[in-house]
Amino acid sequence: MVAIAAVAVVLGAAGLTGFLPEQLQRLVFHTPLAIGVLVVGTGWLLWRITRRPARDRR
Protein backbone atom coordinates (compact mmCIF):
# COMPACT_ATOMS: atom_id res chain seq x y z
CA MET A 1 0.00 0.00 0.00
CA VAL A 2 2.85 2.39 0.82
CA ALA A 3 4.54 1.70 -2.52
CA ILE A 4 1.29 2.30 -4.40
CA ALA A 5 0.80 5.59 -2.56
CA ALA A 6 4.39 6.66 -3.29
CA VAL A 7 4.02 5.90 -7.00
CA ALA A 8 0.71 7.77 -7.11
CA VAL A 9 2.28 10.84 -5.47
CA VAL A 10 5.24 10.84 -7.86
CA LEU A 11 3.04 10.42 -10.93
CA GLY A 12 0.71 13.13 -9.68
CA ALA A 13 3.60 15.53 -9.10
CA ALA A 14 5.00 14.76 -12.55
CA GLY A 15 1.61 15.43 -14.10
CA LEU A 16 1.15 18.69 -12.21
CA THR A 17 4.52 20.06 -13.27
CA GLY A 18 3.37 19.77 -16.88
CA PHE A 19 0.73 22.41 -16.18
CA LEU A 20 3.12 24.88 -14.55
CA PRO A 21 4.23 27.99 -16.46
CA GLU A 22 7.65 27.70 -18.09
CA GLN A 23 9.37 29.83 -15.42
CA LEU A 24 8.18 27.55 -12.61
CA GLN A 25 9.04 24.43 -14.60
CA ARG A 26 12.58 25.77 -14.97
CA LEU A 27 12.71 26.35 -11.20
CA VAL A 28 11.57 22.78 -10.49
CA PHE A 29 13.82 21.06 -13.02
CA HIS A 30 16.99 23.15 -12.86
CA THR A 31 17.39 23.74 -9.13
CA PRO A 32 17.85 21.33 -6.20
CA LEU A 33 14.23 21.98 -5.15
CA ALA A 34 13.31 18.28 -5.05
CA ILE A 35 16.33 17.52 -2.86
CA GLY A 36 15.31 20.27 -0.45
CA VAL A 37 11.75 18.98 -0.27
CA LEU A 38 13.01 15.45 0.41
CA VAL A 39 15.41 16.61 3.13
CA VAL A 40 12.76 18.74 4.86
CA GLY A 41 10.12 16.00 4.54
CA THR A 42 12.45 13.34 5.92
CA GLY A 43 13.48 15.58 8.81
CA TRP A 44 9.85 16.31 9.66
CA LEU A 45 8.94 12.62 9.51
CA LEU A 46 11.85 11.60 11.75
CA TRP A 47 10.96 14.38 14.20
CA ARG A 48 7.34 13.13 14.34
CA ILE A 49 8.49 9.54 14.91
CA THR A 50 10.81 10.52 17.77
CA ARG A 51 8.15 12.70 19.41
CA ARG A 52 5.43 10.05 19.32
CA PRO A 53 4.36 9.06 22.85
CA ALA A 54 5.36 5.57 23.90
CA ARG A 55 2.59 2.97 23.88
CA ASP A 56 1.49 1.42 27.13
CA ARG A 57 3.14 -2.04 27.25
CA ARG A 58 1.37 -4.03 29.91
PDB file of N, CA and C in Angstrom:
ATOM      1  N   MET A   1       0.822  -1.192   0.000  1.00  0.00           N
ATOM      2  CA  MET A   1       0.000   0.000   0.000  1.00  0.00           C
ATOM      3  C   MET A   1       0.870   1.262   0.000  1.00  0.00           C
ATOM      4  N   VAL A   2       1.964   1.227   0.760  1.00  0.00           N
ATOM      5  CA  VAL A   2       2.852   2.391   0.818  1.00  0.00           C
ATOM      6  C   VAL A   2       3.493   2.631  -0.543  1.00  0.00           C
ATOM      7  N   ALA A   3       3.919   1.568  -1.202  1.00  0.00           N
ATOM      8  CA  ALA A   3       4.541   1.703  -2.519  1.00  0.00           C
ATOM      9  C   ALA A   3       3.555   2.259  -3.539  1.00  0.00           C
ATOM     10  N   ILE A   4       2.322   1.796  -3.484  1.00  0.00           N
ATOM     11  CA  ILE A   4       1.290   2.302  -4.396  1.00  0.00           C
ATOM     12  C   ILE A   4       1.055   3.787  -4.154  1.00  0.00           C
ATOM     13  N   ALA A   5       0.995   4.183  -2.886  1.00  0.00           N
ATOM     14  CA  ALA A   5       0.798   5.593  -2.560  1.00  0.00           C
ATOM     15  C   ALA A   5       1.982   6.435  -3.026  1.00  0.00           C
ATOM     16  N   ALA A   6       3.196   5.920  -2.866  1.00  0.00           N
ATOM     17  CA  ALA A   6       4.386   6.661  -3.293  1.00  0.00           C
ATOM     18  C   ALA A   6       4.395   6.844  -4.805  1.00  0.00           C
ATOM     19  N   VAL A   7       4.072   5.800  -5.537  1.00  0.00           N
ATOM     20  CA  VAL A   7       4.016   5.899  -6.996  1.00  0.00           C
ATOM     21  C   VAL A   7       2.942   6.880  -7.420  1.00  0.00           C
ATOM     22  N   ALA A   8       1.795   6.854  -6.767  1.00  0.00           N
ATOM     23  CA  ALA A   8       0.712   7.773  -7.108  1.00  0.00           C
ATOM     24  C   ALA A   8       1.128   9.226  -6.864  1.00  0.00           C
ATOM     25  N   VAL A   9       1.828   9.479  -5.771  1.00  0.00           N
ATOM     26  CA  VAL A   9       2.279  10.839  -5.474  1.00  0.00           C
ATOM     27  C   VAL A   9       3.282  11.314  -6.511  1.00  0.00           C
ATOM     28  N   VAL A  10       4.226  10.455  -6.874  1.00  0.00           N
ATOM     29  CA  VAL A  10       5.241  10.840  -7.861  1.00  0.00           C
ATOM     30  C   VAL A  10       4.597  11.090  -9.227  1.00  0.00           C
ATOM     31  N   LEU A  11       3.706  10.218  -9.648  1.00  0.00           N
ATOM     32  CA  LEU A  11       3.037  10.419 -10.930  1.00  0.00           C
ATOM     33  C   LEU A  11       2.172  11.675 -10.912  1.00  0.00           C
ATOM     34  N   GLY A  12       1.505  11.916  -9.798  1.00  0.00           N
ATOM     35  CA  GLY A  12       0.706  13.134  -9.680  1.00  0.00           C
ATOM     36  C   GLY A  12       1.558  14.390  -9.748  1.00  0.00           C
ATOM     37  N   ALA A  13       2.693  14.376  -9.063  1.00  0.00           N
ATOM     38  CA  ALA A  13       3.603  15.529  -9.098  1.00  0.00           C
ATOM     39  C   ALA A  13       4.152  15.731 -10.509  1.00  0.00           C
ATOM     40  N   ALA A  14       4.493  14.645 -11.183  1.00  0.00           N
ATOM     41  CA  ALA A  14       5.003  14.756 -12.552  1.00  0.00           C
ATOM     42  C   ALA A  14       3.933  15.331 -13.475  1.00  0.00           C
ATOM     43  N   GLY A  15       2.707  14.904 -13.286  1.00  0.00           N
ATOM     44  CA  GLY A  15       1.614  15.435 -14.099  1.00  0.00           C
ATOM     45  C   GLY A  15       1.336  16.902 -13.824  1.00  0.00           C
ATOM     46  N   LEU A  16       1.410  17.285 -12.564  1.00  0.00           N
ATOM     47  CA  LEU A  16       1.148  18.686 -12.212  1.00  0.00           C
ATOM     48  C   LEU A  16       2.221  19.627 -12.736  1.00  0.00           C
ATOM     49  N   THR A  17       3.465  19.187 -12.770  1.00  0.00           N
ATOM     50  CA  THR A  17       4.519  20.065 -13.271  1.00  0.00           C
ATOM     51  C   THR A  17       4.345  20.355 -14.750  1.00  0.00           C
ATOM     52  N   GLY A  18       3.647  19.513 -15.469  1.00  0.00           N
ATOM     53  CA  GLY A  18       3.370  19.767 -16.884  1.00  0.00           C
ATOM     54  C   GLY A  18       2.443  20.945 -17.090  1.00  0.00           C
ATOM     55  N   PHE A  19       1.664  21.294 -16.078  1.00  0.00           N
ATOM     56  CA  PHE A  19       0.726  22.410 -16.182  1.00  0.00           C
ATOM     57  C   PHE A  19       1.298  23.725 -15.652  1.00  0.00           C
ATOM     58  N   LEU A  20       2.503  23.675 -15.090  1.00  0.00           N
ATOM     59  CA  LEU A  20       3.121  24.881 -14.554  1.00  0.00           C
ATOM     60  C   LEU A  20       3.604  25.784 -15.692  1.00  0.00           C
ATOM     61  N   PRO A  21       3.628  27.096 -15.455  1.00  0.00           N
ATOM     62  CA  PRO A  21       4.230  27.989 -16.457  1.00  0.00           C
ATOM     63  C   PRO A  21       5.713  27.662 -16.627  1.00  0.00           C
ATOM     64  N   GLU A  22       6.272  28.064 -17.754  1.00  0.00           N
ATOM     65  CA  GLU A  22       7.650  27.701 -18.095  1.00  0.00           C
ATOM     66  C   GLU A  22       8.653  28.164 -17.037  1.00  0.00           C
ATOM     67  N   GLN A  23       8.450  29.331 -16.439  1.00  0.00           N
ATOM     68  CA  GLN A  23       9.373  29.831 -15.417  1.00  0.00           C
ATOM     69  C   GLN A  23       9.398  28.904 -14.207  1.00  0.00           C
ATOM     70  N   LEU A  24       8.236  28.454 -13.765  1.00  0.00           N
ATOM     71  CA  LEU A  24       8.180  27.549 -12.614  1.00  0.00           C
ATOM     72  C   LEU A  24       8.713  26.161 -12.957  1.00  0.00           C
ATOM     73  N   GLN A  25       8.476  25.712 -14.187  1.00  0.00           N
ATOM     74  CA  GLN A  25       9.043  24.433 -14.604  1.00  0.00           C
ATOM     75  C   GLN A  25      10.563  24.494 -14.561  1.00  0.00           C
ATOM     76  N   ARG A  26      11.127  25.605 -15.004  1.00  0.00           N
ATOM     77  CA  ARG A  26      12.576  25.769 -14.973  1.00  0.00           C
ATOM     78  C   ARG A  26      13.083  25.727 -13.535  1.00  0.00           C
ATOM     79  N   LEU A  27      12.342  26.366 -12.615  1.00  0.00           N
ATOM     80  CA  LEU A  27      12.712  26.348 -11.201  1.00  0.00           C
ATOM     81  C   LEU A  27      12.711  24.918 -10.653  1.00  0.00           C
ATOM     82  N   VAL A  28      11.695  24.155 -10.999  1.00  0.00           N
ATOM     83  CA  VAL A  28      11.571  22.782 -10.490  1.00  0.00           C
ATOM     84  C   VAL A  28      12.650  21.874 -11.066  1.00  0.00           C
ATOM     85  N   PHE A  29      12.919  22.003 -12.360  1.00  0.00           N
ATOM     86  CA  PHE A  29      13.815  21.058 -13.018  1.00  0.00           C
ATOM     87  C   PHE A  29      15.288  21.445 -12.974  1.00  0.00           C
ATOM     88  N   HIS A  30      15.595  22.714 -12.772  1.00  0.00           N
ATOM     89  CA  HIS A  30      16.990  23.150 -12.856  1.00  0.00           C
ATOM     90  C   HIS A  30      17.570  23.638 -11.528  1.00  0.00           C
ATOM     91  N   THR A  31      16.876  23.397 -10.455  1.00  0.00           N
ATOM     92  CA  THR A  31      17.394  23.742  -9.127  1.00  0.00           C
ATOM     93  C   THR A  31      17.260  22.506  -8.234  1.00  0.00           C
ATOM     94  N   PRO A  32      17.956  22.488  -7.112  1.00  0.00           N
ATOM     95  CA  PRO A  32      17.850  21.334  -6.201  1.00  0.00           C
ATOM     96  C   PRO A  32      16.587  21.395  -5.326  1.00  0.00           C
ATOM     97  N   LEU A  33      15.488  21.846  -5.891  1.00  0.00           N
ATOM     98  CA  LEU A  33      14.227  21.980  -5.155  1.00  0.00           C
ATOM     99  C   LEU A  33      13.740  20.633  -4.636  1.00  0.00           C
ATOM    100  N   ALA A  34      13.788  19.603  -5.467  1.00  0.00           N
ATOM    101  CA  ALA A  34      13.314  18.276  -5.055  1.00  0.00           C
ATOM    102  C   ALA A  34      14.152  17.738  -3.897  1.00  0.00           C
ATOM    103  N   ILE A  35      15.463  17.975  -3.945  1.00  0.00           N
ATOM    104  CA  ILE A  35      16.334  17.518  -2.856  1.00  0.00           C
ATOM    105  C   ILE A  35      15.962  18.226  -1.560  1.00  0.00           C
ATOM    106  N   GLY A  36      15.712  19.525  -1.639  1.00  0.00           N
ATOM    107  CA  GLY A  36      15.311  20.272  -0.448  1.00  0.00           C
ATOM    108  C   GLY A  36      13.998  19.776   0.128  1.00  0.00           C
ATOM    109  N   VAL A  37      13.042  19.500  -0.730  1.00  0.00           N
ATOM    110  CA  VAL A  37      11.751  18.984  -0.269  1.00  0.00           C
ATOM    111  C   VAL A  37      11.930  17.627   0.399  1.00  0.00           C
ATOM    112  N   LEU A  38      12.767  16.763  -0.180  1.00  0.00           N
ATOM    113  CA  LEU A  38      13.008  15.452   0.412  1.00  0.00           C
ATOM    114  C   LEU A  38      13.716  15.562   1.761  1.00  0.00           C
ATOM    115  N   VAL A  39      14.695  16.449   1.863  1.00  0.00           N
ATOM    116  CA  VAL A  39      15.413  16.614   3.129  1.00  0.00           C
ATOM    117  C   VAL A  39      14.471  17.145   4.209  1.00  0.00           C
ATOM    118  N   VAL A  40      13.692  18.171   3.878  1.00  0.00           N
ATOM    119  CA  VAL A  40      12.755  18.743   4.861  1.00  0.00           C
ATOM    120  C   VAL A  40      11.691  17.716   5.242  1.00  0.00           C
ATOM    121  N   GLY A  41      11.143  17.010   4.262  1.00  0.00           N
ATOM    122  CA  GLY A  41      10.120  15.999   4.543  1.00  0.00           C
ATOM    123  C   GLY A  41      10.642  14.868   5.407  1.00  0.00           C
ATOM    124  N   THR A  42      11.851  14.408   5.126  1.00  0.00           N
ATOM    125  CA  THR A  42      12.453  13.343   5.921  1.00  0.00           C
ATOM    126  C   THR A  42      12.719  13.814   7.342  1.00  0.00           C
ATOM    127  N   GLY A  43      13.233  15.026   7.478  1.00  0.00           N
ATOM    128  CA  GLY A  43      13.478  15.582   8.814  1.00  0.00           C
ATOM    129  C   GLY A  43      12.198  15.701   9.615  1.00  0.00           C
ATOM    130  N   TRP A  44      11.139  16.179   8.971  1.00  0.00           N
ATOM    131  CA  TRP A  44       9.846  16.313   9.660  1.00  0.00           C
ATOM    132  C   TRP A  44       9.327  14.941  10.091  1.00  0.00           C
ATOM    133  N   LEU A  45       9.428  13.961   9.195  1.00  0.00           N
ATOM    134  CA  LEU A  45       8.939  12.617   9.514  1.00  0.00           C
ATOM    135  C   LEU A  45       9.721  12.007  10.667  1.00  0.00           C
ATOM    136  N   LEU A  46      11.041  12.145  10.649  1.00  0.00           N
ATOM    137  CA  LEU A  46      11.847  11.604  11.750  1.00  0.00           C
ATOM    138  C   LEU A  46      11.543  12.326  13.059  1.00  0.00           C
ATOM    139  N   TRP A  47      11.315  13.623  13.000  1.00  0.00           N
ATOM    140  CA  TRP A  47      10.960  14.383  14.201  1.00  0.00           C
ATOM    141  C   TRP A  47       9.631  13.879  14.769  1.00  0.00           C
ATOM    142  N   ARG A  48       8.653  13.633  13.887  1.00  0.00           N
ATOM    143  CA  ARG A  48       7.343  13.135  14.338  1.00  0.00           C
ATOM    144  C   ARG A  48       7.481  11.742  14.965  1.00  0.00           C
ATOM    145  N   ILE A  49       8.307  10.893  14.376  1.00  0.00           N
ATOM    146  CA  ILE A  49       8.492   9.540  14.909  1.00  0.00           C
ATOM    147  C   ILE A  49       9.129   9.597  16.288  1.00  0.00           C
ATOM    148  N   THR A  50      10.128  10.452  16.471  1.00  0.00           N
ATOM    149  CA  THR A  50      10.809  10.516  17.769  1.00  0.00           C
ATOM    150  C   THR A  50       9.962  11.204  18.830  1.00  0.00           C
ATOM    151  N   ARG A  51       9.009  11.987  18.446  1.00  0.00           N
ATOM    152  CA  ARG A  51       8.154  12.698  19.408  1.00  0.00           C
ATOM    153  C   ARG A  51       6.853  11.968  19.714  1.00  0.00           C
ATOM    154  N   ARG A  52       6.648  10.815  19.085  1.00  0.00           N
ATOM    155  CA  ARG A  52       5.427  10.048  19.323  1.00  0.00           C
ATOM    156  C   ARG A  52       5.458   9.493  20.735  1.00  0.00           C
ATOM    157  N   PRO A  53       4.373   9.622  21.487  1.00  0.00           N
ATOM    158  CA  PRO A  53       4.358   9.058  22.852  1.00  0.00           C
ATOM    159  C   PRO A  53       4.485   7.542  22.827  1.00  0.00           C
ATOM    160  N   ALA A  54       5.173   7.016  23.792  1.00  0.00           N
ATOM    161  CA  ALA A  54       5.365   5.572  23.896  1.00  0.00           C
ATOM    162  C   ALA A  54       4.033   4.897  24.203  1.00  0.00           C
ATOM    163  N   ARG A  55       3.832   3.720  23.628  1.00  0.00           N
ATOM    164  CA  ARG A  55       2.590   2.974  23.879  1.00  0.00           C
ATOM    165  C   ARG A  55       2.687   2.297  25.233  1.00  0.00           C
ATOM    166  N   ASP A  56       1.547   2.095  25.833  1.00  0.00           N
ATOM    167  CA  ASP A  56       1.489   1.419  27.126  1.00  0.00           C
ATOM    168  C   ASP A  56       1.726  -0.070  26.913  1.00  0.00           C
ATOM    169  N   ARG A  57       2.784  -0.627  27.480  1.00  0.00           N
ATOM    170  CA  ARG A  57       3.144  -2.044  27.251  1.00  0.00           C
ATOM    171  C   ARG A  57       2.901  -2.856  28.514  1.00  0.00           C
ATOM    172  N   ARG A  58       1.702  -3.224  28.736  1.00  0.00           N
ATOM    173  CA  ARG A  58       1.372  -4.028  29.914  1.00  0.00           C
ATOM    174  C   ARG A  58       1.296  -5.471  29.588  1.00  0.00           C
TER     175      ARG A  58
END
